[in-house]
Amino acid sequence: MNPLRVGLVGYGFGSRVFHVPLFQDLPEFSIAGVYSPSEATRERARHELGIPAYDRLESLLADDGIDLAVISTPHDSHASLALQALAAGKNVVVDKVMCLTLEEADAMIAAARAAGRILSVYQNRRWDGGFLTLRRLLAEGAIGEPLRLEARWVRGGGLSKRAAWRLERSRGGGMWLDLGAHMVDQLLLLAGPVKRVFCDQVFSNPQLDVPTHTLCHLEFVSGARGLVETGAVTPFDRPRWVALGAEGGWEKHGLDPQEDRLKQGLVGWPDEYPGPLGRLSRNTPDGIRFEDTPTVPGDWRDFYRNVAAAVREGAELAVKPEECREALRVLLAAEESARKGQAVCLA
């Protein structure tokens, strides 16, 4: 079977690190072309990939042989580029955050349905080892009924200045819409729909309109509680995951190793896991018992394996656009709550 031909829309850091190595490792795909408005970027793509690079998106989409458009660009451009690709008859994967408004999300979903093409969002963190471990523990009932789930992504040193647009709210910048998009998506998968949101955001840099710290409390329809925290104001280690249940708890430090491996040109889970193990507590008649938990191996390639199966065989998408719209609804409700200083009800 011939590989699916990929058209890259954007060839910045995200495309080069998070997408290209996976395509190069998967026989289901081949990279056929790149669009970028920057001549320097196009030249880099030609040099590194040996493929055509276009200065107009229309030129890339005019290639009837391209099966999948992968959009890795600033967040404020996701909707318009996805709509253009869908109108050209391409299947589409767009980076998270899916887009910046619910109206844009609805338009993207409607366009995909009208075109009879798939639309998915690159929520690769669903295949993080820590998330997969927690999902397994909850499925096994290791901590009993989940009462509170916490996800954090915090660091020191201020906000990244990797790209100027990431420091502008109008373009979807800031850690909340970036990393928060992963964690809200994960908590929705673990605990179901959100009933109410209360959020506080700190803007400690007066020159920026994006928060330097966000603390968001979630009340799920199930009755469980959630917490999502993003920030760039503390260098102190905090648990990446905390789960509290009726019969125990679990915590885990450290980020998934796959990102660092991709930056080194390596793909997939390491043979020997380099990160800290999780720690599980169980309530027993003799008191609390603690045990280390091995981390379930993750594989970001599974996202694209599923996309290939969806395009070729009509398989069910692992990451549905409707799910990502719901995560966006929670993210935007959190921002509204922070602005108003009050809880926002969603159900």
Protein backbone atom coordinates (compact mmCIF):
# COMPACT_ATOMS: atom_id res chain seq x y z
CA MET A 1 0.00 0.00 0.00
CA ASN A 2 1.37 3.39 -0.97
CA PRO A 3 2.10 5.78 1.90
CA LEU A 4 -0.17 8.74 2.53
CA ARG A 5 1.40 11.92 1.15
CA VAL A 6 1.67 14.74 3.68
CA GLY A 7 1.66 18.46 3.00
CA LEU A 8 3.21 20.43 5.86
CA VAL A 9 1.58 23.80 6.50
CA GLY A 10 4.31 25.55 8.45
CA TYR A 11 7.86 24.42 9.09
CA GLY A 12 8.79 25.99 12.40
CA PHE A 13 9.91 24.39 15.65
CA GLY A 14 6.64 22.53 16.18
CA SER A 15 6.58 21.01 12.71
CA ARG A 16 10.26 20.04 12.68
CA VAL A 17 10.33 18.52 16.18
CA PHE A 18 6.84 17.16 16.83
CA HIS A 19 5.65 16.03 13.41
CA VAL A 20 8.42 15.46 10.87
CA PRO A 21 10.38 12.82 12.86
CA LEU A 22 7.20 10.77 13.33
CA PHE A 23 6.39 10.85 9.61
CA GLN A 24 9.96 9.90 8.76
CA ASP A 25 9.70 6.89 11.07
CA LEU A 26 6.27 5.67 9.96
CA PRO A 27 5.98 3.75 6.68
CA GLU A 28 2.35 4.84 6.41
CA PHE A 29 3.44 8.37 5.44
CA SER A 30 5.72 10.32 3.15
CA ILE A 31 6.27 14.09 3.26
CA ALA A 32 5.45 15.57 -0.13
CA GLY A 33 5.64 19.34 0.25
CA VAL A 34 5.82 22.35 2.56
CA TYR A 35 4.11 25.72 2.62
CA SER A 36 5.69 28.69 4.38
CA PRO A 37 5.53 32.44 3.67
CA SER A 38 9.21 32.72 4.70
CA GLU A 39 11.85 32.19 2.02
CA ALA A 40 14.42 31.23 4.65
CA THR A 41 12.06 28.60 6.04
CA ARG A 42 11.28 27.25 2.60
CA GLU A 43 14.98 26.96 1.83
CA ARG A 44 15.54 25.11 5.09
CA ALA A 45 12.74 22.67 4.24
CA ARG A 46 14.18 22.03 0.79
CA HIS A 47 17.62 21.42 2.27
CA GLU A 48 16.50 19.22 5.16
CA LEU A 49 13.70 17.27 3.49
CA GLY A 50 14.49 17.44 -0.22
CA ILE A 51 10.90 18.26 -1.17
CA PRO A 52 9.09 21.14 -2.89
CA ALA A 53 8.44 24.22 -0.76
CA TYR A 54 5.77 26.74 -1.73
CA ASP A 55 5.20 30.40 -0.91
CA ARG A 56 1.42 30.09 -1.36
CA LEU A 57 -0.83 27.60 0.39
CA GLU A 58 -2.91 27.31 -2.76
CA SER A 59 0.11 25.88 -4.59
CA LEU A 60 0.59 23.16 -2.00
CA LEU A 61 -3.11 22.29 -1.92
CA ALA A 62 -3.25 22.16 -5.73
CA ASP A 63 -1.24 18.93 -5.59
CA ASP A 64 -3.96 16.31 -6.00
CA GLY A 65 -1.61 13.66 -4.65
CA ILE A 66 -1.46 15.15 -1.17
CA ASP A 67 -3.72 13.21 1.17
CA LEU A 68 -3.16 14.98 4.47
CA ALA A 69 -2.48 18.61 5.39
CA VAL A 70 -0.75 19.02 8.75
CA ILE A 71 -1.08 22.53 10.15
CA SER A 72 1.62 23.58 12.60
CA THR A 73 1.37 27.37 12.70
CA PRO A 74 0.45 30.09 15.21
CA HIS A 75 -2.83 29.30 16.94
CA ASP A 76 -4.77 32.21 15.45
CA SER A 77 -4.25 30.83 11.94
CA HIS A 78 -5.45 27.27 12.58
CA ALA A 79 -9.08 27.80 11.63
CA SER A 80 -8.55 29.70 8.39
CA LEU A 81 -5.84 27.33 7.16
CA ALA A 82 -7.84 24.23 8.09
CA LEU A 83 -10.92 25.56 6.30
CA GLN A 84 -8.86 26.24 3.18
CA ALA A 85 -7.34 22.75 3.24
CA LEU A 86 -10.71 21.06 3.79
CA ALA A 87 -12.22 23.06 0.94
CA ALA A 88 -9.42 21.70 -1.26
CA GLY A 89 -10.44 18.16 -0.35
CA LYS A 90 -7.59 17.38 2.03
CA ASN A 91 -7.74 15.50 5.29
CA VAL A 92 -6.48 17.75 8.06
CA VAL A 93 -4.52 17.50 11.30
CA VAL A 94 -4.13 20.78 13.17
CA ASP A 95 -1.93 21.49 16.17
CA LYS A 96 -3.54 22.18 19.50
CA VAL A 97 -5.05 24.39 20.56
CA MET A 98 -7.64 23.57 17.90
CA CYS A 99 -8.55 27.24 17.32
CA LEU A 100 -9.42 30.32 19.36
CA THR A 101 -13.23 30.49 19.38
CA LEU A 102 -16.12 28.04 19.48
CA GLU A 103 -17.46 29.58 16.28
CA GLU A 104 -14.21 28.68 14.53
CA ALA A 105 -14.37 25.15 15.93
CA ASP A 106 -17.95 24.71 14.70
CA ALA A 107 -16.99 25.96 11.24
CA MET A 108 -14.06 23.53 11.05
CA ILE A 109 -16.18 20.56 12.12
CA ALA A 110 -18.94 21.47 9.66
CA ALA A 111 -16.43 21.87 6.82
CA ALA A 112 -14.91 18.45 7.49
CA ARG A 113 -18.33 16.82 7.45
CA ALA A 114 -19.32 18.63 4.24
CA ALA A 115 -16.08 17.60 2.55
CA GLY A 116 -16.23 14.01 3.77
CA ARG A 117 -12.70 14.33 5.15
CA ILE A 118 -11.21 13.73 8.56
CA LEU A 119 -10.30 16.55 10.91
CA SER A 120 -8.22 15.80 13.97
CA VAL A 121 -6.16 17.74 16.49
CA TYR A 122 -2.63 16.75 17.45
CA GLN A 123 -3.27 15.85 21.07
CA ASN A 124 -0.13 13.74 21.27
CA ARG A 125 -0.09 13.96 25.08
CA ARG A 126 -2.87 11.39 25.19
CA TRP A 127 0.03 9.00 24.57
CA ASP A 128 2.19 10.34 27.42
CA GLY A 129 3.36 7.63 29.79
CA GLY A 130 2.13 9.41 32.92
CA PHE A 131 -1.37 9.91 31.52
CA LEU A 132 -1.55 6.30 30.31
CA THR A 133 -0.43 5.10 33.75
CA LEU A 134 -3.09 7.11 35.55
CA ARG A 135 -5.76 5.99 33.11
CA ARG A 136 -4.82 2.36 33.78
CA LEU A 137 -4.83 2.84 37.55
CA LEU A 138 -8.29 4.41 37.43
CA ALA A 139 -9.60 1.63 35.18
CA GLU A 140 -8.24 -0.96 37.62
CA GLY A 141 -9.83 0.81 40.58
CA ALA A 142 -6.44 1.19 42.27
CA ILE A 143 -7.49 4.31 44.20
CA GLY A 144 -11.21 3.70 44.24
CA GLU A 145 -13.68 6.32 43.07
CA PRO A 146 -11.65 9.34 41.87
CA LEU A 147 -12.32 12.41 43.98
CA ARG A 148 -9.71 14.87 42.73
CA LEU A 149 -7.38 14.90 39.74
CA GLU A 150 -4.58 17.45 39.41
CA ALA A 151 -2.41 18.18 36.39
CA ARG A 152 0.43 20.71 36.46
CA TRP A 153 2.95 22.07 34.01
CA VAL A 154 5.00 24.72 35.78
CA ARG A 155 8.52 26.03 35.43
CA GLY A 156 10.65 29.01 36.39
CA GLY A 157 12.44 31.62 34.36
CA GLY A 158 9.48 33.47 32.88
CA LEU A 159 7.63 32.86 29.64
CA SER A 160 9.41 31.40 26.66
CA LYS A 161 10.44 33.83 23.96
CA ARG A 162 10.89 31.15 21.34
CA ALA A 163 8.47 32.99 19.07
CA ALA A 164 6.99 36.46 19.49
CA TRP A 165 3.43 35.33 18.72
CA ARG A 166 3.50 33.07 21.80
CA LEU A 167 3.49 36.19 23.96
CA GLU A 168 0.34 37.69 22.37
CA ARG A 169 -3.13 36.68 23.56
CA SER A 170 -4.77 37.72 20.29
CA ARG A 171 -2.69 35.07 18.54
CA GLY A 172 -3.40 32.38 21.11
CA GLY A 173 -0.14 32.82 23.00
CA GLY A 174 0.59 32.00 26.61
CA MET A 175 0.91 28.71 28.46
CA TRP A 176 -2.80 28.34 29.24
CA LEU A 177 -3.98 27.84 25.67
CA ASP A 178 -0.82 25.92 24.82
CA LEU A 179 -0.05 23.47 27.63
CA GLY A 180 -3.41 23.88 29.33
CA ALA A 181 -4.97 22.52 26.14
CA HIS A 182 -3.20 19.21 26.75
CA MET A 183 -4.12 18.90 30.41
CA VAL A 184 -7.77 19.91 30.07
CA ASP A 185 -8.10 17.40 27.24
CA GLN A 186 -6.59 14.69 29.45
CA LEU A 187 -8.82 15.44 32.45
CA LEU A 188 -11.94 15.38 30.30
CA LEU A 189 -10.98 11.89 29.15
CA LEU A 190 -10.42 10.78 32.74
CA ALA A 191 -13.37 12.40 34.49
CA GLY A 192 -15.95 13.33 31.85
CA PRO A 193 -17.75 16.61 31.21
CA VAL A 194 -17.22 19.72 33.33
CA LYS A 195 -20.07 21.29 35.27
CA ARG A 196 -18.37 24.43 36.62
CA VAL A 197 -15.06 26.27 36.26
CA PHE A 198 -13.33 28.70 38.61
CA CYS A 199 -10.01 30.14 37.51
CA ASP A 200 -7.45 32.69 38.69
CA GLN A 201 -4.77 34.10 36.41
CA VAL A 202 -1.75 36.20 37.38
CA PHE A 203 -0.31 38.74 34.95
CA SER A 204 3.04 39.53 36.57
CA ASN A 205 4.68 40.92 33.43
CA PRO A 206 3.04 44.30 32.67
CA GLN A 207 4.42 44.22 29.12
CA LEU A 208 2.46 41.06 28.23
CA ASP A 209 -1.25 40.33 27.94
CA VAL A 210 -0.83 36.60 28.60
CA PRO A 211 -0.85 35.21 32.15
CA THR A 212 2.35 34.08 33.81
CA HIS A 213 0.40 31.76 36.09
CA THR A 214 -3.01 30.07 35.81
CA LEU A 215 -4.77 28.01 38.47
CA CYS A 216 -8.03 26.49 37.29
CA HIS A 217 -10.47 24.51 39.43
CA LEU A 218 -12.90 22.17 37.69
CA GLU A 219 -16.07 20.58 39.02
CA PHE A 220 -17.08 17.60 36.91
CA VAL A 221 -20.65 16.43 36.34
CA SER A 222 -19.60 13.20 38.08
CA GLY A 223 -18.88 15.15 41.27
CA ALA A 224 -15.12 14.73 41.04
CA ARG A 225 -12.91 17.79 41.24
CA GLY A 226 -9.98 18.76 39.04
CA LEU A 227 -7.14 21.23 39.09
CA VAL A 228 -5.07 22.42 36.14
CA GLU A 229 -2.06 24.66 36.70
CA THR A 230 0.27 26.30 34.21
CA GLY A 231 2.95 28.85 34.95
CA ALA A 232 6.45 30.12 34.52
CA VAL A 233 7.05 31.64 37.93
CA THR A 234 8.43 28.80 40.04
CA PRO A 235 11.57 26.68 39.58
CA PHE A 236 10.50 24.28 42.33
CA ASP A 237 9.57 20.73 41.43
CA ARG A 238 5.84 20.05 41.63
CA PRO A 239 4.02 16.80 40.89
CA ARG A 240 3.04 16.54 37.25
CA TRP A 241 0.07 14.39 38.30
CA VAL A 242 -1.86 13.92 41.54
CA ALA A 243 -4.90 11.66 41.82
CA LEU A 244 -6.87 11.31 45.05
CA GLY A 245 -9.50 8.62 45.42
CA ALA A 246 -11.78 7.09 48.02
CA GLU A 247 -9.32 4.24 48.59
CA GLY A 248 -5.93 5.75 47.91
CA GLY A 249 -3.93 8.16 45.82
CA TRP A 250 -1.17 8.50 43.25
CA GLU A 251 1.38 11.11 42.30
CA LYS A 252 4.02 11.38 39.64
CA HIS A 253 6.77 13.88 38.92
CA GLY A 254 8.54 14.60 35.66
CA LEU A 255 7.61 15.10 32.02
CA ASP A 256 7.26 12.43 29.39
CA PRO A 257 10.67 11.62 27.82
CA GLN A 258 9.45 11.53 24.23
CA GLU A 259 9.80 15.28 23.62
CA ASP A 260 13.46 15.34 24.68
CA ARG A 261 14.11 12.28 22.53
CA LEU A 262 12.55 13.93 19.49
CA LYS A 263 14.79 16.96 20.00
CA GLN A 264 17.72 14.52 19.81
CA GLY A 265 16.38 12.89 16.65
CA LEU A 266 15.09 9.80 18.49
CA VAL A 267 11.55 8.48 18.15
CA GLY A 268 9.46 6.48 20.58
CA TRP A 269 9.75 5.32 24.15
CA PRO A 270 13.26 4.71 25.56
CA ASP A 271 14.37 1.17 26.33
CA GLU A 272 15.02 2.24 29.91
CA TYR A 273 12.65 4.83 31.33
CA PRO A 274 14.75 7.76 32.63
CA GLY A 275 12.08 9.54 34.68
CA PRO A 276 10.92 9.06 38.27
CA LEU A 277 8.39 6.34 39.01
CA GLY A 278 4.95 7.19 40.26
CA ARG A 279 3.97 6.54 43.86
CA LEU A 280 0.72 4.85 44.77
CA SER A 281 -0.91 4.88 48.20
CA ARG A 282 -3.55 2.35 49.21
CA ASN A 283 -5.77 2.47 52.25
CA THR A 284 -5.64 -0.91 54.03
CA PRO A 285 -6.95 -2.17 57.39
CA ASP A 286 -3.37 -1.94 58.66
CA GLY A 287 -2.90 1.64 57.52
CA ILE A 288 -1.64 3.31 54.36
CA ARG A 289 0.63 1.21 52.12
CA PHE A 290 2.90 2.87 49.56
CA GLU A 291 4.31 1.32 46.40
CA ASP A 292 6.14 2.51 43.32
CA THR A 293 4.32 2.27 40.01
CA PRO A 294 6.12 1.64 36.73
CA THR A 295 5.22 4.02 33.92
CA VAL A 296 3.17 2.69 31.04
CA PRO A 297 5.18 3.26 27.83
CA GLY A 298 3.69 5.84 25.51
CA ASP A 299 4.14 6.25 21.78
CA TRP A 300 3.17 9.49 20.03
CA ARG A 301 3.35 7.65 16.72
CA ASP A 302 0.07 5.97 17.68
CA PHE A 303 -1.72 9.24 16.97
CA TYR A 304 -0.65 9.15 13.34
CA ARG A 305 -1.12 5.40 13.02
CA ASN A 306 -4.75 6.05 13.90
CA VAL A 307 -4.99 8.92 11.40
CA ALA A 308 -3.69 6.63 8.66
CA ALA A 309 -6.26 3.98 9.57
CA ALA A 310 -9.03 6.58 9.62
CA VAL A 311 -8.11 7.91 6.16
CA ARG A 312 -7.58 4.51 4.55
CA GLU A 313 -10.06 2.26 6.31
CA GLY A 314 -12.59 4.56 7.90
CA ALA A 315 -11.40 3.67 11.41
CA GLU A 316 -12.76 5.71 14.30
CA LEU A 317 -10.61 8.73 15.09
CA ALA A 318 -8.77 8.51 18.39
CA VAL A 319 -8.88 12.32 18.71
CA LYS A 320 -12.21 13.63 17.56
CA PRO A 321 -12.66 17.34 16.78
CA GLU A 322 -15.83 17.44 18.89
CA GLU A 323 -13.76 16.41 21.93
CA CYS A 324 -11.27 19.17 21.26
CA ARG A 325 -14.08 21.68 20.89
CA GLU A 326 -15.29 20.70 24.35
CA ALA A 327 -11.79 21.18 25.77
CA LEU A 328 -11.69 24.61 24.12
CA ARG A 329 -15.01 25.45 25.75
CA VAL A 330 -13.47 24.72 29.16
CA LEU A 331 -10.30 26.70 28.36
CA LEU A 332 -12.32 29.74 27.29
CA ALA A 333 -14.64 29.43 30.29
CA ALA A 334 -11.58 29.48 32.54
CA GLU A 335 -10.43 32.75 30.97
CA GLU A 336 -13.91 34.19 31.41
CA SER A 337 -13.92 33.13 35.06
CA ALA A 338 -10.55 34.80 35.65
CA ARG A 339 -11.76 38.04 34.05
CA LYS A 340 -14.98 38.14 36.07
CA GLY A 341 -13.59 36.75 39.32
CA GLN A 342 -16.41 34.24 39.60
CA ALA A 343 -17.28 30.70 38.68
CA VAL A 344 -18.65 29.92 35.20
CA CYS A 345 -21.24 27.16 34.80
CA LEU A 346 -21.06 24.89 31.77
CA ALA A 347 -23.73 22.30 32.58
